């Protein structure tokens, strides 16, 4: 059984309220991941700002 199949099997056994909690948690994790990527990109830009400005010219 794949991880996705196991997740679906377990998810289907939950009440609607618990399913909503799982979905909310997934959305939280995705936001946290996106924020980490955004922070990493901001750091890369800050570290290389002079080079990026030179390339823009």
Protein backbone atom coordinates (compact mmCIF):
# COMPACT_ATOMS: atom_id res chain seq x y z
CA UNK A 1 0.00 0.00 0.00
CA UNK A 2 1.38 3.40 -0.92
CA UNK A 3 1.57 6.26 1.53
CA UNK A 4 -1.20 8.07 -0.36
CA UNK A 5 -3.46 5.01 -0.22
CA UNK A 6 -2.82 4.62 3.49
CA UNK A 7 -3.58 8.30 4.05
CA UNK A 8 -6.85 8.09 2.12
CA UNK A 9 -7.89 4.96 4.00
CA UNK A 10 -7.24 6.60 7.37
CA UNK A 11 -8.74 9.93 6.28
CA UNK A 12 -11.99 8.32 5.15
CA UNK A 13 -12.52 6.87 8.63
CA UNK A 14 -12.48 10.30 10.30
CA UNK A 15 -15.50 12.40 11.19
CA UNK A 16 -16.12 15.50 9.07
CA UNK A 17 -14.80 17.73 11.86
CA UNK A 18 -11.55 15.75 12.07
CA UNK A 19 -11.25 15.77 8.26
CA UNK A 20 -11.46 19.58 8.39
CA UNK A 21 -8.69 19.63 11.01
CA UNK A 22 -6.48 17.48 8.77
CA UNK A 23 -7.09 19.76 5.79
CA UNK A 24 -6.37 22.83 7.92
CA UNK A 25 -3.11 21.24 9.09
CA UNK A 26 -2.08 20.45 5.52
CA UNK A 27 -2.73 24.07 4.54
CA UNK A 28 -0.66 25.23 7.53
CA UNK A 29 2.26 23.02 6.48
CA UNK A 30 2.07 24.31 2.90
CA UNK A 31 2.10 27.93 4.11
CA UNK A 32 5.06 27.22 6.35
CA UNK A 33 6.94 25.59 3.46
CA UNK A 34 6.16 28.50 1.14
CA UNK A 35 7.37 30.94 3.79
CA UNK A 36 10.64 29.01 4.12
CA UNK A 37 11.15 29.15 0.35
CA UNK A 38 10.33 32.87 0.34
CA UNK A 39 12.82 33.52 3.15
CA UNK A 40 15.53 31.55 1.34
CA UNK A 41 14.94 33.52 -1.88
CA UNK A 42 15.05 36.82 0.00
CA UNK A 43 18.36 35.78 1.56
CA UNK A 44 19.80 34.81 -1.83
CA UNK A 45 18.72 38.13 -3.31
CA UNK A 46 20.17 40.08 -0.38
CA UNK A 47 23.47 38.19 -0.58
CA UNK A 48 23.76 38.79 -4.32
CA UNK A 49 22.14 42.20 -4.70
CA UNK A 50 25.15 43.89 -6.28
CA UNK A 51 25.58 41.11 -8.85
CA UNK A 52 21.85 41.16 -9.66
CA UNK A 53 21.91 44.92 -10.15
CA UNK A 54 24.91 44.55 -12.48
CA UNK A 55 23.11 41.89 -14.49
CA UNK A 56 20.06 44.15 -14.79
CA UNK A 57 22.12 46.80 -16.56
